[in-house]
Amino acid sequence: MAQARGPAEGTDAAVVLRGVRKTFGNVVAVAGVDLVVPRGAMYGLLGPNGAGKTTTLRMLLGIIEPDEGEVSILGAARTQATLDRVGYLPEERGMYRRMTVRRALSFFAELKGVPPRVSGPRIAGWLERFELADRADARVQELSKGNQQKVQLIGTLLHEPEVVVLDEPFAGLDPLNQQLFKEIMAELRRAGRTILFSTHMIDQAERACDHVCIIAAGEKVLDGRVADVKREHGRQNVAIELEEWTPQAAEVVRSAPGVRALREDGVKLEAALQPDGDAQAVLAALVGAGVALRRFERVEPSLEQIFVERVRPAEAEREVIHA
């Protein structure tokens, strides 16, 4: 499968993976992926469940070794010294449940070489930031899952890493805590940290990231700056907002000449056109059917649409291979 060209590699790269490959028995989890994460980027590693995102991050961090390929972090080979400059929030959350929150965080800090006299004020500051100051002496097992996840993120950040790697950071969080995590990630990015996170929540990535890489069936199918990715896929979409949703209105758009796909979200529709599709033909069909409109505008495709278009063929190909 052809791979899109990513950011140019250079001394400004925080993370570089070259040709990394991992198999488990007869299953190819990651098939020779190249990845270049610029320093200071908010970089999203996107893909459906089972695409190879977690395996890729674990190879980056040395949790598992690639069968082939090379890894570098902050311009150097992956060593314990470079890994100490990285913070990692794994997909499988795990903490010592009988420890108090304060002790657990102090332990995380000590693992990264941060002594209690330094970690103590940092822990207090982060607990205040996450509205957990009053739970500092509670046992971890007494916290809700969302608050446990907050504590684990604090533990990821206490040694002030230059690169922050987050595996599915929004999973299991309610909307308020998702927003809090996004605010923290944005603050870290403004402070010059590099954020690399995996997710299958494409709308979150589109709002947060400036760079993305999409992998499917263990292979990279696209990467680059979000703005460039959307621009390269053309302005072949029409955003439509109806005065009132009806099944008939959606069907008019779906059956209009040149429409190849339609995404519906209440009164908001987005129609993807064929390369030779004519937006004016869609508008004429709506007007001719007497559909009242609030908005009709030619737009770039959403990242979610691009994701579906690029991932679906790769997943289908894998199903054929394993059939």
C-alpha atoms as a PDB file:
ATOM      1  CA  MET A   1       0.000   0.000   0.000  1.00  0.00           C
ATOM      2  CA  ALA A   2       1.377   3.397  -0.915  1.00  0.00           C
ATOM      3  CA  GLN A   3       2.402   5.584   1.989  1.00  0.00           C
ATOM      4  CA  ALA A   4       1.897   9.323   2.051  1.00  0.00           C
ATOM      5  CA  ARG A   5       4.947  11.469   2.587  1.00  0.00           C
ATOM      6  CA  GLY A   6       5.337  12.752   6.127  1.00  0.00           C
ATOM      7  CA  PRO A   7       7.221  15.693   7.620  1.00  0.00           C
ATOM      8  CA  ALA A   8      10.820  16.039   6.578  1.00  0.00           C
ATOM      9  CA  GLU A   9      13.215  14.411   9.006  1.00  0.00           C
ATOM     10  CA  GLY A  10      15.859  16.609  10.573  1.00  0.00           C
ATOM     11  CA  THR A  11      17.386  17.743  13.808  1.00  0.00           C
ATOM     12  CA  ASP A  12      14.039  19.242  14.814  1.00  0.00           C
ATOM     13  CA  ALA A  13      12.419  15.790  15.001  1.00  0.00           C
ATOM     14  CA  ALA A  14      11.396  14.707  18.495  1.00  0.00           C
ATOM     15  CA  VAL A  15      10.606  11.131  17.457  1.00  0.00           C
ATOM     16  CA  VAL A  16      11.673   9.141  14.403  1.00  0.00           C
ATOM     17  CA  LEU A  17      10.618   5.604  13.517  1.00  0.00           C
ATOM     18  CA  ARG A  18      12.063   4.098  10.346  1.00  0.00           C
ATOM     19  CA  GLY A  19      10.690   0.875   8.921  1.00  0.00           C
ATOM     20  CA  VAL A  20       9.500  -0.499  12.260  1.00  0.00           C
ATOM     21  CA  ARG A  21       7.829  -3.871  11.945  1.00  0.00           C
ATOM     22  CA  LYS A  22       6.339  -6.252  14.505  1.00  0.00           C
ATOM     23  CA  THR A  23       4.677  -9.611  14.102  1.00  0.00           C
ATOM     24  CA  PHE A  24       3.039 -11.837  16.675  1.00  0.00           C
ATOM     25  CA  GLY A  25       3.004 -15.347  15.263  1.00  0.00           C
ATOM     26  CA  ASN A  26       1.376 -15.097  11.848  1.00  0.00           C
ATOM     27  CA  VAL A  27      -0.199 -11.719  12.599  1.00  0.00           C
ATOM     28  CA  VAL A  28       1.547  -8.614  11.265  1.00  0.00           C
ATOM     29  CA  ALA A  29       0.757  -5.955  13.883  1.00  0.00           C
ATOM     30  CA  VAL A  30       2.901  -3.202  12.339  1.00  0.00           C
ATOM     31  CA  ALA A  31       4.222  -3.485   8.792  1.00  0.00           C
ATOM     32  CA  GLY A  32       7.247  -1.254   8.295  1.00  0.00           C
ATOM     33  CA  VAL A  33       5.888   2.075   9.522  1.00  0.00           C
ATOM     34  CA  ASP A  34       7.827   5.338   9.135  1.00  0.00           C
ATOM     35  CA  LEU A  35       6.964   8.136  11.527  1.00  0.00           C
ATOM     36  CA  VAL A  36       8.534  11.565  12.079  1.00  0.00           C
ATOM     37  CA  VAL A  37       7.176  13.751  14.880  1.00  0.00           C
ATOM     38  CA  PRO A  38       8.480  17.340  14.798  1.00  0.00           C
ATOM     39  CA  ARG A  39       9.563  18.917  18.077  1.00  0.00           C
ATOM     40  CA  GLY A  40       6.837  20.976  19.664  1.00  0.00           C
ATOM     41  CA  ALA A  41       4.070  19.319  17.637  1.00  0.00           C
ATOM     42  CA  MET A  42       0.675  18.114  18.756  1.00  0.00           C
ATOM     43  CA  TYR A  43       0.759  14.874  16.796  1.00  0.00           C
ATOM     44  CA  GLY A  44      -2.112  12.413  16.542  1.00  0.00           C
ATOM     45  CA  LEU A  45      -1.604   8.739  15.709  1.00  0.00           C
ATOM     46  CA  LEU A  46      -5.004   7.709  14.394  1.00  0.00           C
ATOM     47  CA  GLY A  47      -6.501   4.381  13.491  1.00  0.00           C
ATOM     48  CA  PRO A  48      -9.320   1.969  14.243  1.00  0.00           C
ATOM     49  CA  ASN A  49      -9.094  -0.521  17.081  1.00  0.00           C
ATOM     50  CA  GLY A  50      -6.450  -3.122  16.268  1.00  0.00           C
ATOM     51  CA  ALA A  51      -4.693  -0.930  13.697  1.00  0.00           C
ATOM     52  CA  GLY A  52      -1.305  -1.139  15.454  1.00  0.00           C
ATOM     53  CA  LYS A  53      -1.272   2.186  17.312  1.00  0.00           C
ATOM     54  CA  THR A  54      -0.412   0.786  20.746  1.00  0.00           C
ATOM     55  CA  THR A  55       2.173  -1.602  19.319  1.00  0.00           C
ATOM     56  CA  THR A  56       3.838   1.316  17.514  1.00  0.00           C
ATOM     57  CA  LEU A  57       4.035   3.381  20.705  1.00  0.00           C
ATOM     58  CA  ARG A  58       5.356   0.425  22.703  1.00  0.00           C
ATOM     59  CA  MET A  59       8.134  -0.093  20.146  1.00  0.00           C
ATOM     60  CA  LEU A  60       8.985   3.599  20.373  1.00  0.00           C
ATOM     61  CA  LEU A  61       9.345   3.288  24.137  1.00  0.00           C
ATOM     62  CA  GLY A  62      11.190  -0.036  24.176  1.00  0.00           C
ATOM     63  CA  ILE A  63       8.385  -1.880  25.965  1.00  0.00           C
ATOM     64  CA  ILE A  64       8.539  -4.320  23.072  1.00  0.00           C
ATOM     65  CA  GLU A  65      11.321  -4.470  20.520  1.00  0.00           C
ATOM     66  CA  PRO A  66      10.626  -4.188  16.794  1.00  0.00           C
ATOM     67  CA  ASP A  67      11.522  -7.129  14.593  1.00  0.00           C
ATOM     68  CA  GLU A  68      12.955  -4.628  12.131  1.00  0.00           C
ATOM     69  CA  GLY A  69      13.539  -0.903  11.929  1.00  0.00           C
ATOM     70  CA  GLU A  70      15.132   1.966  13.848  1.00  0.00           C
ATOM     71  CA  VAL A  71      13.949   4.267  16.621  1.00  0.00           C
ATOM     72  CA  SER A  72      15.349   7.593  17.776  1.00  0.00           C
ATOM     73  CA  ILE A  73      14.129  10.066  20.388  1.00  0.00           C
ATOM     74  CA  LEU A  74      15.194  13.709  20.547  1.00  0.00           C
ATOM     75  CA  GLY A  75      17.921  13.145  17.977  1.00  0.00           C
ATOM     76  CA  ALA A  76      19.538  10.173  19.733  1.00  0.00           C
ATOM     77  CA  ALA A  77      19.200   6.423  19.835  1.00  0.00           C
ATOM     78  CA  ARG A  78      16.635   5.126  22.289  1.00  0.00           C
ATOM     79  CA  THR A  79      18.436   4.609  25.594  1.00  0.00           C
ATOM     80  CA  GLN A  80      17.379   4.884  29.216  1.00  0.00           C
ATOM     81  CA  ALA A  81      18.737   8.425  29.209  1.00  0.00           C
ATOM     82  CA  THR A  82      16.489   9.442  26.297  1.00  0.00           C
ATOM     83  CA  LEU A  83      13.518   7.561  27.745  1.00  0.00           C
ATOM     84  CA  ASP A  84      13.909   9.549  30.965  1.00  0.00           C
ATOM     85  CA  ARG A  85      13.020  12.623  28.896  1.00  0.00           C
ATOM     86  CA  VAL A  86       9.710  11.008  27.889  1.00  0.00           C
ATOM     87  CA  GLY A  87       6.433  10.759  29.819  1.00  0.00           C
ATOM     88  CA  TYR A  88       4.090   7.886  28.984  1.00  0.00           C
ATOM     89  CA  LEU A  89       0.429   7.310  29.773  1.00  0.00           C
ATOM     90  CA  PRO A  90      -0.367   3.718  28.727  1.00  0.00           C
ATOM     91  CA  GLU A  91      -3.674   2.545  27.370  1.00  0.00           C
ATOM     92  CA  GLU A  92      -3.972   0.019  30.194  1.00  0.00           C
ATOM     93  CA  ARG A  93      -4.165   2.239  33.246  1.00  0.00           C
ATOM     94  CA  GLY A  94      -2.407   0.739  36.234  1.00  0.00           C
ATOM     95  CA  MET A  95      -1.704   2.088  39.711  1.00  0.00           C
ATOM     96  CA  TYR A  96      -1.001   0.744  43.186  1.00  0.00           C
ATOM     97  CA  ARG A  97      -4.547   0.908  44.415  1.00  0.00           C
ATOM     98  CA  ARG A  98      -3.796   0.708  48.144  1.00  0.00           C
ATOM     99  CA  MET A  99      -1.341   3.604  48.062  1.00  0.00           C
ATOM    100  CA  THR A 100      -2.506   7.083  48.854  1.00  0.00           C
ATOM    101  CA  VAL A 101      -2.619   9.472  45.918  1.00  0.00           C
ATOM    102  CA  ARG A 102       0.292  11.508  47.287  1.00  0.00           C
ATOM    103  CA  ARG A 103       2.468   8.437  47.893  1.00  0.00           C
ATOM    104  CA  ALA A 104       1.675   6.955  44.487  1.00  0.00           C
ATOM    105  CA  LEU A 105       2.678  10.189  42.760  1.00  0.00           C
ATOM    106  CA  SER A 106       5.851  10.478  44.818  1.00  0.00           C
ATOM    107  CA  PHE A 107       6.693   6.922  43.791  1.00  0.00           C
ATOM    108  CA  PHE A 108       6.164   7.739  40.098  1.00  0.00           C
ATOM    109  CA  ALA A 109       8.444  10.752  40.470  1.00  0.00           C
ATOM    110  CA  GLU A 110      11.173   8.733  42.194  1.00  0.00           C
ATOM    111  CA  LEU A 111      11.131   6.226  39.319  1.00  0.00           C
ATOM    112  CA  LYS A 112      12.139   9.117  37.049  1.00  0.00           C
ATOM    113  CA  GLY A 113      14.823  10.381  39.430  1.00  0.00           C
ATOM    114  CA  VAL A 114      12.838  13.273  40.953  1.00  0.00           C
ATOM    115  CA  PRO A 115      13.487  13.453  44.729  1.00  0.00           C
ATOM    116  CA  PRO A 116      10.642  14.122  47.192  1.00  0.00           C
ATOM    117  CA  ARG A 117      11.860  17.651  47.982  1.00  0.00           C
ATOM    118  CA  VAL A 118      11.335  18.515  44.302  1.00  0.00           C
ATOM    119  CA  SER A 119       8.311  16.345  43.559  1.00  0.00           C
ATOM    120  CA  GLY A 120       6.362  17.472  46.635  1.00  0.00           C
ATOM    121  CA  PRO A 121       5.583  21.005  45.396  1.00  0.00           C
ATOM    122  CA  ARG A 122       4.942  19.708  41.886  1.00  0.00           C
ATOM    123  CA  ILE A 123       2.472  17.131  43.192  1.00  0.00           C
ATOM    124  CA  ALA A 124       0.663  19.773  45.215  1.00  0.00           C
ATOM    125  CA  GLY A 125       0.442  22.070  42.196  1.00  0.00           C
ATOM    126  CA  TRP A 126      -0.873  19.389  39.866  1.00  0.00           C
ATOM    127  CA  LEU A 127      -3.418  18.104  42.388  1.00  0.00           C
ATOM    128  CA  GLU A 128      -4.709  21.654  42.715  1.00  0.00           C
ATOM    129  CA  ARG A 129      -4.834  22.002  38.925  1.00  0.00           C
ATOM    130  CA  PHE A 130      -6.848  18.787  38.636  1.00  0.00           C
ATOM    131  CA  GLU A 131      -9.122  19.684  41.584  1.00  0.00           C
ATOM    132  CA  LEU A 132      -7.826  16.710  43.579  1.00  0.00           C
ATOM    133  CA  ALA A 133      -6.063  18.523  46.425  1.00  0.00           C
ATOM    134  CA  ASP A 134      -8.654  17.299  48.919  1.00  0.00           C
ATOM    135  CA  ARG A 135      -8.038  13.676  47.838  1.00  0.00           C
ATOM    136  CA  ALA A 136      -4.254  13.697  48.281  1.00  0.00           C
ATOM    137  CA  ASP A 137      -4.376  11.331  51.262  1.00  0.00           C
ATOM    138  CA  ALA A 138      -7.164   9.116  49.920  1.00  0.00           C
ATOM    139  CA  ARG A 139      -6.252   5.662  48.650  1.00  0.00           C
ATOM    140  CA  VAL A 140      -6.200   5.336  44.890  1.00  0.00           C
ATOM    141  CA  GLN A 141      -8.880   2.635  45.027  1.00  0.00           C
ATOM    142  CA  GLU A 142     -11.256   5.119  46.640  1.00  0.00           C
ATOM    143  CA  LEU A 143     -11.202   7.395  43.583  1.00  0.00           C
ATOM    144  CA  SER A 144     -13.494   7.217  40.576  1.00  0.00           C
ATOM    145  CA  LYS A 145     -11.981   5.845  37.365  1.00  0.00           C
ATOM    146  CA  GLY A 146     -11.851   9.337  35.911  1.00  0.00           C
ATOM    147  CA  ASN A 147      -9.957  10.682  38.918  1.00  0.00           C
ATOM    148  CA  GLN A 148      -7.594   7.702  38.844  1.00  0.00           C
ATOM    149  CA  GLN A 149      -6.855   8.608  35.244  1.00  0.00           C
ATOM    150  CA  LYS A 150      -6.127  12.188  36.302  1.00  0.00           C
ATOM    151  CA  VAL A 151      -3.682  10.897  38.913  1.00  0.00           C
ATOM    152  CA  GLN A 152      -1.936   8.724  36.345  1.00  0.00           C
ATOM    153  CA  LEU A 153      -1.591  11.677  33.968  1.00  0.00           C
ATOM    154  CA  ILE A 154      -0.044  13.708  36.793  1.00  0.00           C
ATOM    155  CA  GLY A 155       2.406  10.849  37.337  1.00  0.00           C
ATOM    156  CA  THR A 156       3.255  10.988  33.639  1.00  0.00           C
ATOM    157  CA  LEU A 157       4.179  14.675  33.891  1.00  0.00           C
ATOM    158  CA  LEU A 158       5.941  15.034  37.248  1.00  0.00           C
ATOM    159  CA  HIS A 159       9.453  14.723  35.797  1.00  0.00           C
ATOM    160  CA  GLU A 160       8.618  17.476  33.282  1.00  0.00           C
ATOM    161  CA  PRO A 161       9.250  15.373  30.153  1.00  0.00           C
ATOM    162  CA  GLU A 162      10.165  16.939  26.845  1.00  0.00           C
ATOM    163  CA  VAL A 163       8.081  14.371  24.937  1.00  0.00           C
ATOM    164  CA  VAL A 164       4.676  13.263  26.237  1.00  0.00           C
ATOM    165  CA  VAL A 165       3.247  10.031  24.803  1.00  0.00           C
ATOM    166  CA  LEU A 166      -0.417   9.353  25.561  1.00  0.00           C
ATOM    167  CA  ASP A 167      -2.145   6.161  24.444  1.00  0.00           C
ATOM    168  CA  GLU A 168      -5.905   6.746  24.055  1.00  0.00           C
ATOM    169  CA  PRO A 169      -5.917   9.552  26.663  1.00  0.00           C
ATOM    170  CA  PHE A 170      -9.631  10.330  26.252  1.00  0.00           C
ATOM    171  CA  ALA A 171     -10.887   6.759  26.659  1.00  0.00           C
ATOM    172  CA  GLY A 172     -13.271   6.389  29.585  1.00  0.00           C
ATOM    173  CA  LEU A 173     -13.436  10.110  30.367  1.00  0.00           C
ATOM    174  CA  ASP A 174     -16.648  12.102  30.583  1.00  0.00           C
ATOM    175  CA  PRO A 175     -16.894  15.251  28.413  1.00  0.00           C
ATOM    176  CA  LEU A 176     -15.746  17.576  31.216  1.00  0.00           C
ATOM    177  CA  ASN A 177     -12.612  15.543  31.894  1.00  0.00           C
ATOM    178  CA  GLN A 178     -11.956  15.172  28.168  1.00  0.00           C
ATOM    179  CA  GLN A 179     -11.958  18.958  27.966  1.00  0.00           C
ATOM    180  CA  LEU A 180      -9.618  19.208  30.968  1.00  0.00           C
ATOM    181  CA  PHE A 181      -7.170  16.761  29.394  1.00  0.00           C
ATOM    182  CA  LYS A 182      -7.229  18.745  26.149  1.00  0.00           C
ATOM    183  CA  GLU A 183      -6.522  21.960  28.056  1.00  0.00           C
ATOM    184  CA  ILE A 184      -3.545  20.352  29.806  1.00  0.00           C
ATOM    185  CA  MET A 185      -2.205  19.022  26.506  1.00  0.00           C
ATOM    186  CA  ALA A 186      -2.523  22.494  24.952  1.00  0.00           C
ATOM    187  CA  GLU A 187      -0.701  24.057  27.918  1.00  0.00           C
ATOM    188  CA  LEU A 188       2.135  21.544  27.569  1.00  0.00           C
ATOM    189  CA  ARG A 189       2.358  22.251  23.874  1.00  0.00           C
ATOM    190  CA  ARG A 190       2.531  26.026  24.502  1.00  0.00           C
ATOM    191  CA  ALA A 191       5.382  25.324  26.919  1.00  0.00           C
ATOM    192  CA  GLY A 192       7.329  23.730  24.062  1.00  0.00           C
ATOM    193  CA  ARG A 193       6.678  20.058  24.836  1.00  0.00           C
ATOM    194  CA  THR A 194       6.023  17.547  22.086  1.00  0.00           C
ATOM    195  CA  ILE A 195       2.715  15.691  22.435  1.00  0.00           C
ATOM    196  CA  LEU A 196       2.229  12.364  20.650  1.00  0.00           C
ATOM    197  CA  PHE A 197      -1.081  10.687  21.329  1.00  0.00           C
ATOM    198  CA  SER A 198      -3.045   7.838  19.823  1.00  0.00           C
ATOM    199  CA  THR A 199      -6.796   7.858  19.428  1.00  0.00           C
ATOM    200  CA  HIS A 200      -9.665   6.499  17.363  1.00  0.00           C
ATOM    201  CA  MET A 201     -11.720   9.595  18.296  1.00  0.00           C
ATOM    202  CA  ILE A 202     -11.104  11.488  15.070  1.00  0.00           C
ATOM    203  CA  ASP A 203     -13.089  14.597  15.990  1.00  0.00           C
ATOM    204  CA  GLN A 204     -10.846  15.101  19.044  1.00  0.00           C
ATOM    205  CA  ALA A 205      -7.738  14.809  16.898  1.00  0.00           C
ATOM    206  CA  GLU A 206      -9.015  17.243  14.279  1.00  0.00           C
ATOM    207  CA  ARG A 207      -9.582  19.933  16.905  1.00  0.00           C
ATOM    208  CA  ALA A 208      -6.359  19.325  18.840  1.00  0.00           C
ATOM    209  CA  CYS A 209      -3.645  18.306  16.365  1.00  0.00           C
ATOM    210  CA  ASP A 210      -1.544  20.113  13.825  1.00  0.00           C
ATOM    211  CA  HIS A 211      -0.036  16.841  12.519  1.00  0.00           C
ATOM    212  CA  VAL A 212      -1.660  13.430  12.111  1.00  0.00           C
ATOM    213  CA  CYS A 213      -0.698   9.977  10.943  1.00  0.00           C
ATOM    214  CA  ILE A 214      -3.370   7.431  10.037  1.00  0.00           C
ATOM    215  CA  ILE A 215      -2.539   3.741  10.218  1.00  0.00           C
ATOM    216  CA  ALA A 216      -4.765   0.840   9.276  1.00  0.00           C
ATOM    217  CA  ALA A 217      -4.091  -2.893   9.304  1.00  0.00           C
ATOM    218  CA  GLY A 218      -0.584  -2.141  10.586  1.00  0.00           C
ATOM    219  CA  GLU A 219       0.358   0.156   7.691  1.00  0.00           C
ATOM    220  CA  LYS A 220       0.628   3.906   7.377  1.00  0.00           C
ATOM    221  CA  VAL A 221      -1.884   5.219   4.868  1.00  0.00           C
ATOM    222  CA  LEU A 222      -1.484   8.975   5.362  1.00  0.00           C
ATOM    223  CA  ASP A 223       0.437  11.548   7.362  1.00  0.00           C
ATOM    224  CA  GLY A 224       1.172  15.256   7.367  1.00  0.00           C
ATOM    225  CA  ARG A 225      -0.097  18.553   8.680  1.00  0.00           C
ATOM    226  CA  VAL A 226      -3.855  18.504   9.196  1.00  0.00           C
ATOM    227  CA  ALA A 227      -4.350  21.579   7.014  1.00  0.00           C
ATOM    228  CA  ASP A 228      -2.284  20.041   4.203  1.00  0.00           C
ATOM    229  CA  VAL A 229      -4.047  16.672   4.454  1.00  0.00           C
ATOM    230  CA  LYS A 230      -7.455  18.326   4.133  1.00  0.00           C
ATOM    231  CA  ARG A 231      -6.282  20.589   1.315  1.00  0.00           C
ATOM    232  CA  GLU A 232      -4.827  17.665  -0.645  1.00  0.00           C
ATOM    233  CA  HIS A 233      -8.182  15.907  -0.490  1.00  0.00           C
ATOM    234  CA  GLY A 234      -9.755  18.868  -2.259  1.00  0.00           C
ATOM    235  CA  ARG A 235     -12.786  21.018  -1.697  1.00  0.00           C
ATOM    236  CA  GLN A 236     -15.162  18.341  -2.913  1.00  0.00           C
ATOM    237  CA  ASN A 237     -17.565  18.606   0.014  1.00  0.00           C
ATOM    238  CA  VAL A 238     -20.682  20.653   0.590  1.00  0.00           C
ATOM    239  CA  ALA A 239     -21.822  21.662   4.081  1.00  0.00           C
ATOM    240  CA  ILE A 240     -25.587  22.010   4.336  1.00  0.00           C
ATOM    241  CA  GLU A 241     -27.670  23.208   7.265  1.00  0.00           C
ATOM    242  CA  LEU A 242     -31.411  22.677   7.034  1.00  0.00           C
ATOM    243  CA  GLU A 243     -34.114  24.780   8.630  1.00  0.00           C
ATOM    244  CA  GLU A 244     -35.688  21.505   9.703  1.00  0.00           C
ATOM    245  CA  TRP A 245     -34.513  17.937   9.302  1.00  0.00           C
ATOM    246  CA  THR A 246     -36.705  15.516   7.390  1.00  0.00           C
ATOM    247  CA  PRO A 247     -35.888  12.136   5.839  1.00  0.00           C
ATOM    248  CA  GLN A 248     -36.963  13.580   2.491  1.00  0.00           C
ATOM    249  CA  ALA A 249     -34.422  16.420   2.671  1.00  0.00           C
ATOM    250  CA  ALA A 250     -31.568  14.011   3.384  1.00  0.00           C
ATOM    251  CA  GLU A 251     -32.718  11.751   0.545  1.00  0.00           C
ATOM    252  CA  VAL A 252     -32.765  14.692  -1.892  1.00  0.00           C
ATOM    253  CA  VAL A 253     -29.084  15.331  -1.122  1.00  0.00           C
ATOM    254  CA  ARG A 254     -28.161  11.656  -1.206  1.00  0.00           C
ATOM    255  CA  SER A 255     -29.686  11.163  -4.647  1.00  0.00           C
ATOM    256  CA  ALA A 256     -28.468  14.456  -6.160  1.00  0.00           C
ATOM    257  CA  PRO A 257     -26.152  14.177  -9.194  1.00  0.00           C
ATOM    258  CA  GLY A 258     -22.480  13.749  -8.271  1.00  0.00           C
ATOM    259  CA  VAL A 259     -22.983  12.952  -4.556  1.00  0.00           C
ATOM    260  CA  ARG A 260     -20.985   9.886  -3.509  1.00  0.00           C
ATOM    261  CA  ALA A 261     -21.462   9.967   0.277  1.00  0.00           C
ATOM    262  CA  LEU A 262     -23.492  11.817   2.883  1.00  0.00           C
ATOM    263  CA  ARG A 263     -22.830  12.369   6.577  1.00  0.00           C
ATOM    264  CA  GLU A 264     -25.811  13.389   8.721  1.00  0.00           C
ATOM    265  CA  ASP A 265     -25.825  15.113  12.109  1.00  0.00           C
ATOM    266  CA  GLY A 266     -29.338  16.350  12.727  1.00  0.00           C
ATOM    267  CA  VAL A 267     -30.023  19.417  10.594  1.00  0.00           C
ATOM    268  CA  LYS A 268     -26.347  19.526   9.554  1.00  0.00           C
ATOM    269  CA  LEU A 269     -25.378  17.469   6.510  1.00  0.00           C
ATOM    270  CA  GLU A 270     -22.093  17.121   4.694  1.00  0.00           C
ATOM    271  CA  ALA A 271     -22.112  15.737   1.157  1.00  0.00           C
ATOM    272  CA  ALA A 272     -18.952  14.384  -0.454  1.00  0.00           C
ATOM    273  CA  LEU A 273     -18.960  14.914  -4.227  1.00  0.00           C
ATOM    274  CA  GLN A 274     -17.447  12.900  -7.011  1.00  0.00           C
ATOM    275  CA  PRO A 275     -14.353  14.523  -8.585  1.00  0.00           C
ATOM    276  CA  ASP A 276     -16.572  15.902 -11.353  1.00  0.00           C
ATOM    277  CA  GLY A 277     -19.500  16.591  -9.015  1.00  0.00           C
ATOM    278  CA  ASP A 278     -21.236  19.954  -9.223  1.00  0.00           C
ATOM    279  CA  ALA A 279     -22.281  21.681  -5.988  1.00  0.00           C
ATOM    280  CA  GLN A 280     -24.745  23.788  -7.934  1.00  0.00           C
ATOM    281  CA  ALA A 281     -26.573  20.639  -9.017  1.00  0.00           C
ATOM    282  CA  VAL A 282     -27.007  19.685  -5.353  1.00  0.00           C
ATOM    283  CA  LEU A 283     -28.313  23.175  -4.554  1.00  0.00           C
ATOM    284  CA  ALA A 284     -30.717  23.044  -7.510  1.00  0.00           C
ATOM    285  CA  ALA A 285     -32.067  19.678  -6.320  1.00  0.00           C
ATOM    286  CA  LEU A 286     -32.716  21.060  -2.830  1.00  0.00           C
ATOM    287  CA  VAL A 287     -34.380  24.233  -4.095  1.00  0.00           C
ATOM    288  CA  GLY A 288     -36.450  22.256  -6.583  1.00  0.00           C
ATOM    289  CA  ALA A 289     -37.694  20.002  -3.774  1.00  0.00           C
ATOM    290  CA  GLY A 290     -38.665  23.027  -1.685  1.00  0.00           C
ATOM    291  CA  VAL A 291     -36.125  22.319   1.089  1.00  0.00           C
ATOM    292  CA  ALA A 292     -35.516  25.378   3.319  1.00  0.00           C
ATOM    293  CA  LEU A 293     -31.822  26.040   3.972  1.00  0.00           C
ATOM    294  CA  ARG A 294     -29.847  27.964   6.572  1.00  0.00           C
ATOM    295  CA  ARG A 295     -26.445  27.284   5.022  1.00  0.00           C
ATOM    296  CA  PHE A 296     -24.999  25.874   1.814  1.00  0.00           C
ATOM    297  CA  GLU A 297     -21.222  26.105   1.434  1.00  0.00           C
ATOM    298  CA  ARG A 298     -18.387  24.326  -0.383  1.00  0.00           C
ATOM    299  CA  VAL A 299     -15.911  23.093   2.245  1.00  0.00           C
ATOM    300  CA  GLU A 300     -12.883  20.864   2.714  1.00  0.00           C
ATOM    301  CA  PRO A 301     -13.662  17.312   3.845  1.00  0.00           C
ATOM    302  CA  SER A 302     -13.566  16.619   7.558  1.00  0.00           C
ATOM    303  CA  LEU A 303     -10.716  14.550   8.949  1.00  0.00           C
ATOM    304  CA  GLU A 304     -13.287  11.914   9.875  1.00  0.00           C
ATOM    305  CA  GLN A 305     -14.343  11.570   6.242  1.00  0.00           C
ATOM    306  CA  ILE A 306     -10.730  11.319   5.094  1.00  0.00           C
ATOM    307  CA  PHE A 307     -10.115   8.737   7.811  1.00  0.00           C
ATOM    308  CA  VAL A 308     -13.044   6.575   6.658  1.00  0.00           C
ATOM    309  CA  GLU A 309     -12.017   6.851   3.003  1.00  0.00           C
ATOM    310  CA  ARG A 310      -8.426   5.824   3.666  1.00  0.00           C
ATOM    311  CA  VAL A 311      -9.022   3.217   6.374  1.00  0.00           C
ATOM    312  CA  ARG A 312     -11.930   1.296   4.841  1.00  0.00           C
ATOM    313  CA  PRO A 313      -9.928  -0.084   1.850  1.00  0.00           C
ATOM    314  CA  ALA A 314      -7.042  -1.127   4.120  1.00  0.00           C
ATOM    315  CA  GLU A 315      -9.359  -2.920   6.528  1.00  0.00           C
ATOM    316  CA  ALA A 316     -11.163  -4.611   3.633  1.00  0.00           C
ATOM    317  CA  GLU A 317      -7.859  -5.764   2.178  1.00  0.00           C
ATOM    318  CA  ARG A 318      -6.851  -7.269   5.526  1.00  0.00           C
ATOM    319  CA  GLU A 319     -10.163  -9.137   5.752  1.00  0.00           C
ATOM    320  CA  VAL A 320      -9.585 -10.626   2.293  1.00  0.00           C
ATOM    321  CA  ILE A 321      -6.055 -11.692   3.195  1.00  0.00           C
ATOM    322  CA  HIS A 322      -7.158 -13.411   6.407  1.00  0.00           C
ATOM    323  CA  ALA A 323     -10.337 -14.924   4.947  1.00  0.00           C
END
